[in-house]
N, C-alpha and C. Protein backbone atom coordinates (compact mmCIF):
# COMPACT_ATOMS: atom_id res chain seq x y z
N MET A 1 5.00 -4.72 21.95
CA MET A 1 4.17 -3.64 21.39
C MET A 1 3.98 -3.89 19.90
N PRO A 2 2.76 -4.08 19.45
CA PRO A 2 2.52 -4.41 18.03
C PRO A 2 2.85 -3.30 17.04
N LEU A 3 3.11 -2.06 17.51
CA LEU A 3 3.61 -1.06 16.58
C LEU A 3 5.00 -1.50 16.18
N PHE A 4 5.12 -2.01 14.97
CA PHE A 4 6.34 -2.66 14.52
C PHE A 4 7.42 -1.66 14.14
N LYS A 5 7.01 -0.59 13.45
CA LYS A 5 8.00 0.35 12.95
C LYS A 5 7.32 1.64 12.50
N THR A 6 8.03 2.75 12.65
CA THR A 6 7.60 4.02 12.06
C THR A 6 8.72 4.53 11.16
N ILE A 7 8.33 5.19 10.08
CA ILE A 7 9.29 5.77 9.15
C ILE A 7 8.89 7.21 8.91
N SER A 8 9.80 8.13 9.16
CA SER A 8 9.56 9.54 8.85
C SER A 8 10.29 9.86 7.56
N TYR A 9 9.53 9.89 6.46
CA TYR A 9 10.14 10.18 5.16
C TYR A 9 10.58 11.64 5.11
N ASP A 10 9.72 12.53 5.54
CA ASP A 10 10.06 13.94 5.72
C ASP A 10 9.11 14.51 6.75
N ILE A 11 9.15 15.81 6.97
CA ILE A 11 8.35 16.41 8.04
C ILE A 11 6.85 16.24 7.80
N ASP A 12 6.45 16.05 6.54
CA ASP A 12 5.03 15.95 6.20
C ASP A 12 4.58 14.53 5.87
N THR A 13 5.47 13.57 5.91
CA THR A 13 5.12 12.22 5.46
C THR A 13 5.64 11.17 6.45
N GLN A 14 4.71 10.44 7.07
CA GLN A 14 5.08 9.42 8.04
C GLN A 14 4.38 8.09 7.72
N LEU A 15 5.10 6.99 7.98
CA LEU A 15 4.56 5.65 7.82
C LEU A 15 4.49 4.97 9.18
N PHE A 16 3.46 4.16 9.35
CA PHE A 16 3.28 3.40 10.58
C PHE A 16 2.97 1.95 10.20
N ILE A 17 3.71 1.01 10.80
CA ILE A 17 3.55 -0.41 10.48
C ILE A 17 3.18 -1.17 11.76
N TRP A 18 2.15 -2.00 11.66
CA TRP A 18 1.65 -2.76 12.81
C TRP A 18 1.84 -4.25 12.57
N LYS A 19 2.38 -4.94 13.55
CA LYS A 19 2.43 -6.40 13.50
C LYS A 19 1.25 -6.94 14.29
N ILE A 20 0.39 -7.70 13.63
CA ILE A 20 -0.88 -8.11 14.22
C ILE A 20 -0.66 -9.34 15.10
N LEU A 21 -0.51 -9.10 16.39
CA LEU A 21 -0.31 -10.17 17.36
C LEU A 21 -1.55 -10.38 18.22
N GLU A 22 -2.47 -9.41 18.23
CA GLU A 22 -3.64 -9.47 19.08
C GLU A 22 -4.72 -10.39 18.49
N SER A 23 -5.61 -10.80 19.34
CA SER A 23 -6.81 -11.50 18.88
C SER A 23 -7.79 -10.48 18.30
N GLU A 24 -8.75 -10.97 17.55
CA GLU A 24 -9.78 -10.06 17.03
C GLU A 24 -10.53 -9.38 18.16
N THR A 25 -10.79 -10.10 19.23
CA THR A 25 -11.51 -9.53 20.38
C THR A 25 -10.72 -8.39 21.00
N GLU A 26 -9.41 -8.57 21.15
CA GLU A 26 -8.57 -7.52 21.73
C GLU A 26 -8.55 -6.29 20.84
N LEU A 27 -8.44 -6.48 19.54
CA LEU A 27 -8.43 -5.34 18.62
C LEU A 27 -9.77 -4.61 18.65
N ASN A 28 -10.85 -5.38 18.66
CA ASN A 28 -12.19 -4.79 18.66
C ASN A 28 -12.42 -3.93 19.89
N ALA A 29 -11.91 -4.39 21.02
CA ALA A 29 -12.12 -3.66 22.27
C ALA A 29 -11.32 -2.36 22.33
N ALA A 30 -10.32 -2.25 21.48
CA ALA A 30 -9.40 -1.11 21.55
C ALA A 30 -9.78 0.04 20.62
N VAL A 31 -10.77 -0.18 19.75
CA VAL A 31 -11.12 0.87 18.78
C VAL A 31 -12.62 1.12 18.78
N GLU A 32 -12.98 2.32 18.36
CA GLU A 32 -14.39 2.69 18.18
C GLU A 32 -14.59 3.05 16.72
N LEU A 33 -15.66 2.54 16.11
CA LEU A 33 -15.87 2.68 14.68
C LEU A 33 -17.12 3.49 14.36
N GLN A 34 -17.05 4.22 13.25
CA GLN A 34 -18.26 4.81 12.69
C GLN A 34 -19.24 3.69 12.35
N ASP A 35 -20.53 4.01 12.35
CA ASP A 35 -21.54 3.00 12.05
C ASP A 35 -21.31 2.35 10.69
N LYS A 36 -20.96 3.16 9.69
CA LYS A 36 -20.77 2.61 8.34
C LYS A 36 -19.55 1.70 8.27
N HIS A 37 -18.53 2.00 9.07
CA HIS A 37 -17.35 1.15 9.08
C HIS A 37 -17.59 -0.11 9.91
N LEU A 38 -18.42 0.01 10.95
CA LEU A 38 -18.80 -1.17 11.72
C LEU A 38 -19.62 -2.13 10.85
N HIS A 39 -20.50 -1.57 10.04
CA HIS A 39 -21.30 -2.39 9.11
C HIS A 39 -20.38 -3.10 8.11
N ARG A 40 -19.39 -2.37 7.64
CA ARG A 40 -18.43 -2.97 6.70
C ARG A 40 -17.65 -4.09 7.37
N LEU A 41 -17.21 -3.86 8.60
CA LEU A 41 -16.47 -4.88 9.34
C LEU A 41 -17.30 -6.14 9.53
N ASN A 42 -18.56 -5.95 9.91
CA ASN A 42 -19.43 -7.09 10.17
C ASN A 42 -19.73 -7.90 8.91
N GLY A 43 -19.52 -7.29 7.75
CA GLY A 43 -19.75 -7.99 6.50
C GLY A 43 -18.55 -8.78 6.00
N MET A 44 -17.43 -8.67 6.70
CA MET A 44 -16.22 -9.39 6.29
C MET A 44 -16.26 -10.83 6.79
N LEU A 45 -16.11 -11.78 5.89
CA LEU A 45 -16.19 -13.19 6.25
C LEU A 45 -14.88 -13.72 6.83
N SER A 46 -13.77 -13.09 6.48
CA SER A 46 -12.46 -13.58 6.90
C SER A 46 -12.00 -12.90 8.19
N GLU A 47 -11.64 -13.70 9.19
CA GLU A 47 -11.09 -13.13 10.42
C GLU A 47 -9.80 -12.36 10.14
N GLN A 48 -9.02 -12.87 9.23
CA GLN A 48 -7.77 -12.21 8.87
C GLN A 48 -8.03 -10.81 8.34
N HIS A 49 -9.03 -10.65 7.49
CA HIS A 49 -9.38 -9.34 6.96
C HIS A 49 -9.91 -8.42 8.06
N ARG A 50 -10.72 -8.99 8.95
CA ARG A 50 -11.25 -8.17 10.04
C ARG A 50 -10.13 -7.67 10.94
N LYS A 51 -9.17 -8.52 11.23
CA LYS A 51 -8.04 -8.11 12.06
C LYS A 51 -7.18 -7.06 11.35
N GLY A 52 -7.02 -7.21 10.05
CA GLY A 52 -6.30 -6.19 9.29
C GLY A 52 -7.02 -4.86 9.34
N PHE A 53 -8.33 -4.88 9.16
CA PHE A 53 -9.16 -3.68 9.20
C PHE A 53 -9.04 -2.99 10.56
N LEU A 54 -9.13 -3.76 11.63
CA LEU A 54 -9.08 -3.20 12.98
C LEU A 54 -7.67 -2.69 13.32
N SER A 55 -6.65 -3.40 12.88
CA SER A 55 -5.28 -2.96 13.18
C SER A 55 -4.96 -1.64 12.48
N VAL A 56 -5.57 -1.40 11.32
CA VAL A 56 -5.40 -0.11 10.65
C VAL A 56 -5.93 1.01 11.55
N ARG A 57 -7.01 0.75 12.26
CA ARG A 57 -7.56 1.77 13.18
C ARG A 57 -6.62 2.01 14.35
N LYS A 58 -5.89 0.99 14.76
CA LYS A 58 -4.87 1.20 15.78
C LYS A 58 -3.74 2.08 15.25
N LEU A 59 -3.41 1.89 13.99
CA LEU A 59 -2.39 2.74 13.38
C LEU A 59 -2.86 4.18 13.27
N LEU A 60 -4.14 4.37 12.95
CA LEU A 60 -4.69 5.72 12.93
C LEU A 60 -4.49 6.41 14.28
N MET A 61 -4.71 5.68 15.35
CA MET A 61 -4.52 6.24 16.68
C MET A 61 -3.06 6.60 16.92
N GLU A 62 -2.15 5.78 16.44
CA GLU A 62 -0.72 6.09 16.57
C GLU A 62 -0.38 7.38 15.82
N ALA A 63 -1.10 7.64 14.74
CA ALA A 63 -0.84 8.83 13.93
C ALA A 63 -1.62 10.05 14.43
N GLY A 64 -2.40 9.88 15.50
CA GLY A 64 -3.14 11.00 16.07
C GLY A 64 -4.55 11.15 15.55
N TYR A 65 -5.10 10.10 14.96
CA TYR A 65 -6.46 10.15 14.41
C TYR A 65 -7.31 9.04 15.02
N THR A 66 -8.58 9.01 14.62
CA THR A 66 -9.47 7.91 14.96
C THR A 66 -10.22 7.50 13.70
N ASP A 67 -10.99 6.44 13.81
CA ASP A 67 -11.79 5.99 12.67
C ASP A 67 -12.75 7.08 12.19
N PHE A 68 -13.15 7.96 13.09
CA PHE A 68 -14.11 9.02 12.74
C PHE A 68 -13.47 10.10 11.86
N ASP A 69 -12.16 10.09 11.75
CA ASP A 69 -11.46 11.03 10.86
C ASP A 69 -11.28 10.47 9.45
N LEU A 70 -11.65 9.21 9.26
CA LEU A 70 -11.37 8.51 8.01
C LEU A 70 -12.62 8.37 7.15
N ASN A 71 -12.49 8.75 5.88
CA ASN A 71 -13.59 8.59 4.93
C ASN A 71 -13.05 8.07 3.61
N TYR A 72 -13.95 7.56 2.78
CA TYR A 72 -13.59 6.99 1.48
C TYR A 72 -14.44 7.62 0.39
N ASP A 73 -13.82 7.84 -0.80
CA ASP A 73 -14.61 8.34 -1.92
C ASP A 73 -15.27 7.17 -2.65
N THR A 74 -15.94 7.47 -3.76
CA THR A 74 -16.70 6.44 -4.46
C THR A 74 -15.81 5.35 -5.07
N ASN A 75 -14.53 5.66 -5.29
CA ASN A 75 -13.59 4.66 -5.80
C ASN A 75 -12.91 3.87 -4.68
N GLY A 76 -13.20 4.25 -3.43
CA GLY A 76 -12.58 3.57 -2.31
C GLY A 76 -11.29 4.20 -1.83
N LYS A 77 -10.93 5.37 -2.37
CA LYS A 77 -9.70 6.04 -1.94
C LYS A 77 -9.95 6.74 -0.60
N PRO A 78 -9.13 6.46 0.41
CA PRO A 78 -9.34 7.06 1.73
C PRO A 78 -8.78 8.48 1.82
N SER A 79 -9.33 9.24 2.76
CA SER A 79 -8.81 10.58 3.07
C SER A 79 -9.09 10.87 4.53
N LEU A 80 -8.43 11.90 5.05
CA LEU A 80 -8.59 12.27 6.45
C LEU A 80 -9.32 13.60 6.57
N ALA A 81 -10.00 13.78 7.69
CA ALA A 81 -10.87 14.95 7.88
C ALA A 81 -10.09 16.26 7.88
N ASP A 82 -8.82 16.24 8.24
CA ASP A 82 -8.04 17.48 8.29
C ASP A 82 -7.41 17.83 6.95
N GLY A 83 -7.73 17.07 5.91
CA GLY A 83 -7.20 17.36 4.58
C GLY A 83 -5.95 16.59 4.23
N LYS A 84 -5.36 15.88 5.20
CA LYS A 84 -4.17 15.08 4.91
C LYS A 84 -4.54 13.88 4.02
N GLN A 85 -3.55 13.43 3.25
CA GLN A 85 -3.72 12.24 2.42
C GLN A 85 -3.31 11.00 3.21
N ILE A 86 -3.98 9.89 2.94
CA ILE A 86 -3.64 8.64 3.61
C ILE A 86 -3.79 7.48 2.63
N SER A 87 -2.91 6.52 2.75
CA SER A 87 -3.04 5.27 1.99
C SER A 87 -2.89 4.12 2.98
N ILE A 88 -3.59 3.03 2.72
CA ILE A 88 -3.76 1.94 3.68
C ILE A 88 -3.45 0.60 3.01
N THR A 89 -2.84 -0.30 3.77
CA THR A 89 -2.60 -1.65 3.26
C THR A 89 -2.53 -2.63 4.42
N HIS A 90 -2.91 -3.87 4.17
CA HIS A 90 -2.65 -4.93 5.15
C HIS A 90 -2.53 -6.27 4.43
N SER A 91 -1.69 -7.13 5.00
CA SER A 91 -1.42 -8.43 4.40
C SER A 91 -1.04 -9.41 5.50
N TYR A 92 -1.87 -10.41 5.73
CA TYR A 92 -1.60 -11.44 6.71
C TYR A 92 -1.27 -10.85 8.09
N ASP A 93 -0.01 -10.88 8.51
CA ASP A 93 0.36 -10.50 9.88
C ASP A 93 0.73 -9.04 10.06
N PHE A 94 0.63 -8.24 9.00
CA PHE A 94 1.03 -6.84 9.09
C PHE A 94 0.00 -5.92 8.45
N SER A 95 -0.04 -4.69 8.96
CA SER A 95 -0.79 -3.62 8.31
C SER A 95 0.07 -2.37 8.33
N ALA A 96 -0.23 -1.42 7.45
CA ALA A 96 0.58 -0.20 7.38
C ALA A 96 -0.26 0.94 6.81
N ILE A 97 0.07 2.15 7.23
CA ILE A 97 -0.52 3.35 6.64
C ILE A 97 0.59 4.36 6.36
N ILE A 98 0.33 5.24 5.41
CA ILE A 98 1.20 6.38 5.17
C ILE A 98 0.32 7.62 5.18
N VAL A 99 0.75 8.65 5.91
CA VAL A 99 0.01 9.90 6.05
C VAL A 99 0.89 11.03 5.57
N SER A 100 0.33 11.91 4.73
CA SER A 100 1.15 12.97 4.14
C SER A 100 0.28 14.14 3.71
N SER A 101 0.92 15.27 3.49
CA SER A 101 0.23 16.42 2.92
C SER A 101 0.16 16.31 1.40
N GLN A 102 0.89 15.36 0.82
CA GLN A 102 0.86 15.16 -0.63
C GLN A 102 0.26 13.81 -0.97
N ASN A 103 -0.04 13.61 -2.24
CA ASN A 103 -0.61 12.35 -2.69
C ASN A 103 0.40 11.22 -2.53
N VAL A 104 -0.01 10.15 -1.85
CA VAL A 104 0.89 9.04 -1.56
C VAL A 104 0.14 7.72 -1.74
N GLY A 105 0.91 6.65 -1.89
CA GLY A 105 0.33 5.32 -1.98
C GLY A 105 1.22 4.32 -1.28
N ILE A 106 0.64 3.25 -0.78
CA ILE A 106 1.41 2.24 -0.05
C ILE A 106 0.86 0.85 -0.35
N ASP A 107 1.76 -0.13 -0.35
CA ASP A 107 1.34 -1.52 -0.48
C ASP A 107 2.29 -2.41 0.31
N LEU A 108 1.73 -3.42 0.92
CA LEU A 108 2.49 -4.38 1.70
C LEU A 108 2.03 -5.77 1.28
N GLU A 109 2.98 -6.62 0.90
CA GLU A 109 2.63 -7.95 0.41
C GLU A 109 3.56 -9.00 1.03
N LYS A 110 2.97 -10.12 1.39
CA LYS A 110 3.77 -11.27 1.80
C LYS A 110 4.38 -11.89 0.55
N GLN A 111 5.67 -12.17 0.60
CA GLN A 111 6.33 -12.77 -0.57
C GLN A 111 5.90 -14.23 -0.71
N ARG A 112 5.32 -14.53 -1.88
CA ARG A 112 4.84 -15.89 -2.14
C ARG A 112 5.20 -16.32 -3.55
N GLU A 113 5.33 -17.63 -3.75
CA GLU A 113 5.65 -18.15 -5.08
C GLU A 113 4.54 -17.85 -6.08
N LYS A 114 3.34 -17.62 -5.60
CA LYS A 114 2.20 -17.35 -6.48
C LYS A 114 2.47 -16.19 -7.42
N ILE A 115 3.26 -15.22 -6.96
CA ILE A 115 3.48 -14.02 -7.77
C ILE A 115 4.18 -14.36 -9.08
N ILE A 116 4.98 -15.42 -9.09
CA ILE A 116 5.65 -15.85 -10.33
C ILE A 116 4.62 -16.36 -11.33
N LYS A 117 3.61 -17.06 -10.83
CA LYS A 117 2.58 -17.62 -11.70
C LYS A 117 1.71 -16.55 -12.35
N ILE A 118 1.53 -15.42 -11.67
CA ILE A 118 0.65 -14.37 -12.21
C ILE A 118 1.43 -13.20 -12.82
N ALA A 119 2.75 -13.34 -12.94
CA ALA A 119 3.60 -12.24 -13.41
C ALA A 119 3.13 -11.68 -14.75
N ASP A 120 2.68 -12.54 -15.64
CA ASP A 120 2.27 -12.09 -16.97
C ASP A 120 1.08 -11.14 -16.92
N LYS A 121 0.35 -11.13 -15.83
CA LYS A 121 -0.82 -10.26 -15.71
C LYS A 121 -0.45 -8.82 -15.40
N PHE A 122 0.76 -8.59 -14.85
CA PHE A 122 1.11 -7.22 -14.46
C PHE A 122 2.49 -6.76 -14.95
N VAL A 123 3.31 -7.65 -15.45
CA VAL A 123 4.64 -7.27 -15.95
C VAL A 123 4.52 -6.91 -17.43
N GLY A 124 4.92 -5.67 -17.75
CA GLY A 124 4.93 -5.22 -19.14
C GLY A 124 6.33 -4.84 -19.55
N SER A 125 6.61 -3.54 -19.56
CA SER A 125 7.92 -3.04 -19.97
C SER A 125 9.04 -3.50 -19.04
N GLU A 126 8.69 -3.92 -17.83
CA GLU A 126 9.70 -4.34 -16.85
C GLU A 126 10.41 -5.63 -17.25
N ALA A 127 9.84 -6.35 -18.19
CA ALA A 127 10.44 -7.63 -18.60
C ALA A 127 11.86 -7.47 -19.12
N VAL A 128 12.19 -6.28 -19.62
CA VAL A 128 13.52 -6.08 -20.22
C VAL A 128 14.63 -6.10 -19.18
N PHE A 129 14.32 -5.81 -17.92
CA PHE A 129 15.39 -5.81 -16.91
C PHE A 129 15.22 -6.91 -15.86
N LEU A 130 14.11 -7.60 -15.84
CA LEU A 130 13.93 -8.68 -14.87
C LEU A 130 14.84 -9.87 -15.20
N ASN A 131 15.42 -10.45 -14.17
CA ASN A 131 16.28 -11.63 -14.33
C ASN A 131 15.61 -12.80 -13.62
N THR A 132 15.13 -13.76 -14.39
CA THR A 132 14.40 -14.88 -13.79
C THR A 132 15.30 -15.80 -12.97
N GLU A 133 16.61 -15.62 -13.08
CA GLU A 133 17.55 -16.47 -12.35
C GLU A 133 18.06 -15.83 -11.07
N ARG A 134 17.73 -14.57 -10.86
CA ARG A 134 18.27 -13.86 -9.68
C ARG A 134 17.20 -12.96 -9.06
N ASN A 135 16.86 -13.23 -7.82
CA ASN A 135 15.92 -12.40 -7.06
C ASN A 135 14.60 -12.16 -7.80
N TYR A 136 14.17 -13.14 -8.56
CA TYR A 136 12.99 -12.94 -9.41
C TYR A 136 11.73 -12.70 -8.58
N LYS A 137 11.48 -13.54 -7.60
CA LYS A 137 10.30 -13.38 -6.76
C LYS A 137 10.34 -12.05 -6.01
N GLU A 138 11.51 -11.69 -5.50
CA GLU A 138 11.66 -10.45 -4.75
C GLU A 138 11.42 -9.23 -5.65
N ASP A 139 11.98 -9.25 -6.86
CA ASP A 139 11.80 -8.12 -7.78
C ASP A 139 10.36 -8.03 -8.26
N LEU A 140 9.73 -9.16 -8.50
CA LEU A 140 8.31 -9.14 -8.87
C LEU A 140 7.46 -8.56 -7.74
N SER A 141 7.83 -8.86 -6.51
CA SER A 141 7.09 -8.33 -5.36
C SER A 141 7.20 -6.82 -5.29
N VAL A 142 8.38 -6.29 -5.61
CA VAL A 142 8.56 -4.83 -5.64
C VAL A 142 7.73 -4.21 -6.75
N ILE A 143 7.77 -4.81 -7.93
CA ILE A 143 7.02 -4.27 -9.08
C ILE A 143 5.52 -4.28 -8.79
N TRP A 144 5.03 -5.41 -8.27
CA TRP A 144 3.61 -5.49 -7.94
C TRP A 144 3.24 -4.45 -6.88
N GLY A 145 4.06 -4.35 -5.82
CA GLY A 145 3.78 -3.40 -4.76
C GLY A 145 3.79 -1.97 -5.25
N ALA A 146 4.76 -1.64 -6.11
CA ALA A 146 4.84 -0.29 -6.66
C ALA A 146 3.60 0.03 -7.50
N LYS A 147 3.17 -0.92 -8.31
CA LYS A 147 1.99 -0.68 -9.15
C LYS A 147 0.72 -0.59 -8.33
N GLU A 148 0.62 -1.37 -7.27
CA GLU A 148 -0.52 -1.25 -6.37
C GLU A 148 -0.55 0.13 -5.72
N ALA A 149 0.61 0.60 -5.25
CA ALA A 149 0.68 1.92 -4.63
C ALA A 149 0.31 3.01 -5.62
N LEU A 150 0.79 2.91 -6.86
CA LEU A 150 0.48 3.90 -7.89
C LEU A 150 -1.01 3.87 -8.24
N TYR A 151 -1.57 2.68 -8.30
CA TYR A 151 -3.00 2.53 -8.61
C TYR A 151 -3.84 3.26 -7.57
N LYS A 152 -3.46 3.12 -6.31
CA LYS A 152 -4.17 3.81 -5.23
C LYS A 152 -4.04 5.32 -5.36
N MET A 153 -2.86 5.79 -5.75
CA MET A 153 -2.64 7.23 -5.89
C MET A 153 -3.43 7.82 -7.04
N CYS A 154 -3.44 7.12 -8.17
CA CYS A 154 -4.09 7.65 -9.38
C CYS A 154 -5.61 7.58 -9.29
N ASN A 155 -6.11 6.66 -8.47
CA ASN A 155 -7.55 6.61 -8.17
C ASN A 155 -8.42 6.49 -9.41
N SER A 156 -8.00 5.63 -10.32
CA SER A 156 -8.80 5.37 -11.53
C SER A 156 -8.84 3.87 -11.79
N ARG A 157 -10.03 3.34 -11.89
CA ARG A 157 -10.17 1.91 -12.14
C ARG A 157 -9.88 1.55 -13.59
N SER A 158 -9.65 2.55 -14.42
CA SER A 158 -9.39 2.30 -15.84
C SER A 158 -7.94 1.96 -16.14
N LEU A 159 -7.05 2.19 -15.18
CA LEU A 159 -5.63 1.98 -15.42
C LEU A 159 -5.28 0.50 -15.50
N SER A 160 -4.42 0.17 -16.45
CA SER A 160 -3.93 -1.20 -16.61
C SER A 160 -2.56 -1.34 -15.96
N PHE A 161 -2.42 -2.32 -15.08
CA PHE A 161 -1.12 -2.57 -14.44
C PHE A 161 -0.05 -2.87 -15.48
N LYS A 162 -0.42 -3.56 -16.52
CA LYS A 162 0.55 -4.02 -17.51
C LYS A 162 0.83 -2.97 -18.58
N GLN A 163 -0.20 -2.27 -19.05
CA GLN A 163 -0.04 -1.36 -20.19
C GLN A 163 0.25 0.08 -19.79
N ASP A 164 -0.29 0.53 -18.67
CA ASP A 164 -0.21 1.96 -18.32
C ASP A 164 0.83 2.29 -17.26
N MET A 165 1.28 1.31 -16.51
CA MET A 165 2.23 1.55 -15.42
C MET A 165 3.59 0.96 -15.79
N HIS A 166 4.62 1.78 -15.66
CA HIS A 166 5.95 1.37 -16.09
C HIS A 166 6.96 1.62 -14.96
N ILE A 167 7.45 0.54 -14.38
CA ILE A 167 8.47 0.63 -13.34
C ILE A 167 9.83 0.60 -14.01
N HIS A 168 10.65 1.61 -13.76
CA HIS A 168 11.96 1.68 -14.39
C HIS A 168 12.94 0.76 -13.65
N ASP A 169 14.00 0.41 -14.32
CA ASP A 169 14.99 -0.53 -13.79
C ASP A 169 15.53 -0.05 -12.43
N PHE A 170 15.31 -0.84 -11.40
CA PHE A 170 15.79 -0.50 -10.06
C PHE A 170 16.85 -1.48 -9.58
N SER A 171 17.39 -2.28 -10.48
CA SER A 171 18.30 -3.36 -10.10
C SER A 171 19.59 -2.86 -9.44
N LYS A 172 19.97 -1.61 -9.71
CA LYS A 172 21.19 -1.06 -9.11
C LYS A 172 20.90 -0.29 -7.83
N ASN A 173 19.64 -0.24 -7.43
CA ASN A 173 19.25 0.46 -6.20
C ASN A 173 18.79 -0.55 -5.17
N THR A 174 19.07 -0.27 -3.93
CA THR A 174 18.70 -1.21 -2.87
C THR A 174 17.36 -0.89 -2.23
N ASN A 175 16.87 0.34 -2.41
CA ASN A 175 15.63 0.67 -1.70
C ASN A 175 14.74 1.71 -2.38
N GLN A 176 15.02 2.10 -3.62
CA GLN A 176 14.12 3.04 -4.27
C GLN A 176 14.21 2.93 -5.78
N GLY A 177 13.21 3.51 -6.44
CA GLY A 177 13.16 3.49 -7.89
C GLY A 177 12.22 4.56 -8.40
N THR A 178 12.04 4.61 -9.70
CA THR A 178 11.13 5.58 -10.31
C THR A 178 10.15 4.86 -11.22
N ALA A 179 9.05 5.54 -11.50
CA ALA A 179 8.00 4.92 -12.31
C ALA A 179 7.26 6.00 -13.09
N THR A 180 6.64 5.57 -14.18
CA THR A 180 5.79 6.44 -14.99
C THR A 180 4.42 5.78 -15.12
N VAL A 181 3.39 6.58 -14.96
CA VAL A 181 2.03 6.13 -15.27
C VAL A 181 1.54 6.97 -16.42
N SER A 182 1.25 6.33 -17.53
CA SER A 182 0.86 7.04 -18.75
C SER A 182 -0.35 6.37 -19.37
N CYS A 183 -1.44 7.12 -19.50
CA CYS A 183 -2.67 6.57 -20.06
C CYS A 183 -3.29 7.61 -21.00
N LYS A 184 -3.22 7.35 -22.30
CA LYS A 184 -3.76 8.29 -23.28
C LYS A 184 -5.27 8.46 -23.12
N GLU A 185 -5.94 7.38 -22.80
CA GLU A 185 -7.39 7.41 -22.66
C GLU A 185 -7.83 8.40 -21.58
N LEU A 186 -7.02 8.49 -20.51
CA LEU A 186 -7.35 9.39 -19.40
C LEU A 186 -6.59 10.71 -19.49
N ASP A 187 -5.79 10.88 -20.56
CA ASP A 187 -4.94 12.06 -20.70
C ASP A 187 -4.11 12.26 -19.43
N PHE A 188 -3.41 11.19 -19.05
CA PHE A 188 -2.71 11.14 -17.77
C PHE A 188 -1.28 10.71 -18.00
N ASP A 189 -0.32 11.51 -17.49
CA ASP A 189 1.10 11.17 -17.65
C ASP A 189 1.85 11.77 -16.47
N CYS A 190 2.28 10.93 -15.53
CA CYS A 190 2.93 11.43 -14.32
C CYS A 190 4.15 10.57 -13.97
N GLN A 191 5.09 11.21 -13.30
CA GLN A 191 6.30 10.55 -12.83
C GLN A 191 6.22 10.37 -11.31
N PHE A 192 6.71 9.24 -10.83
CA PHE A 192 6.65 8.92 -9.42
C PHE A 192 7.99 8.37 -8.93
N THR A 193 8.22 8.55 -7.64
CA THR A 193 9.34 7.90 -6.96
C THR A 193 8.76 6.91 -5.97
N PHE A 194 9.33 5.72 -5.90
CA PHE A 194 8.86 4.76 -4.90
C PHE A 194 10.04 4.24 -4.08
N HIS A 195 9.73 3.84 -2.88
CA HIS A 195 10.72 3.30 -1.95
C HIS A 195 10.25 1.93 -1.49
N PHE A 196 11.20 1.04 -1.24
CA PHE A 196 10.81 -0.31 -0.85
C PHE A 196 11.77 -0.89 0.17
N GLU A 197 11.27 -1.81 0.96
CA GLU A 197 12.10 -2.55 1.90
C GLU A 197 11.44 -3.89 2.19
N THR A 198 12.25 -4.82 2.68
CA THR A 198 11.77 -6.16 2.98
C THR A 198 12.01 -6.47 4.46
N PHE A 199 11.02 -7.07 5.09
CA PHE A 199 11.18 -7.52 6.47
C PHE A 199 10.27 -8.73 6.70
N GLU A 200 10.79 -9.71 7.41
CA GLU A 200 10.04 -10.91 7.78
C GLU A 200 9.27 -11.52 6.60
N ASN A 201 9.91 -11.54 5.44
CA ASN A 201 9.35 -12.13 4.23
C ASN A 201 8.16 -11.33 3.67
N TYR A 202 8.13 -10.04 3.98
CA TYR A 202 7.14 -9.13 3.42
C TYR A 202 7.86 -8.04 2.63
N THR A 203 7.20 -7.53 1.60
CA THR A 203 7.74 -6.41 0.83
C THR A 203 6.83 -5.20 1.02
N LEU A 204 7.42 -4.10 1.49
CA LEU A 204 6.71 -2.84 1.67
C LEU A 204 7.15 -1.88 0.58
N VAL A 205 6.18 -1.26 -0.09
CA VAL A 205 6.47 -0.25 -1.11
C VAL A 205 5.60 0.97 -0.84
N TYR A 206 6.20 2.15 -0.89
CA TYR A 206 5.39 3.37 -0.82
C TYR A 206 5.87 4.34 -1.89
N ALA A 207 4.94 5.11 -2.42
CA ALA A 207 5.23 5.95 -3.58
C ALA A 207 4.77 7.38 -3.35
N LEU A 208 5.48 8.31 -3.99
CA LEU A 208 5.15 9.73 -3.94
C LEU A 208 5.22 10.29 -5.35
N GLU A 209 4.35 11.24 -5.63
CA GLU A 209 4.35 11.87 -6.95
C GLU A 209 5.47 12.89 -7.03
N ASN A 210 6.24 12.85 -8.12
CA ASN A 210 7.33 13.80 -8.30
C ASN A 210 6.78 15.20 -8.50
N GLU A 211 7.46 16.18 -7.88
CA GLU A 211 7.04 17.57 -8.03
C GLU A 211 7.54 18.13 -9.36
């Protein structure tokens, strides 16, 4: 069963993770799409992206929804017809969604050496606690995933991963941390909690806004 895992964070927040084992044809036959989403699918050049897109619709079904319940705003932030919040991610062999009554974000990334090469593009204040000799790739994957999740939550293309998003030291925690997003230009200053885990060489991060 390609439903890889479910996580119930609380009564209002659930995560669903799909391992993509099906062919594109099998996934296509299992879902029905809105015309605008079908048009979007047909415009994707990568089979991998198309399978990720379709597997997300399978996850929607697991959560009790269909593609017809899903819409996107002008920035690309998704939402559900019943007012629930949703965040979406897919990477290579996995896809995941988080559904909640509160603002949430999620990111899933395959761990790759490439992240070390691009670290300077997104690591800012985090440099003070990163250890390049110990779990460097893994910690960078968490930082990147947390910032991606926060970016989705804040829904502003003006935010800088390096300057505006600050992941606090999580080296003493095995699965969670805190973060601040602060942008004077947008008059925006919020605190977040994020959770992370690793499986099959992938890093999953999901974030919630602190009350």
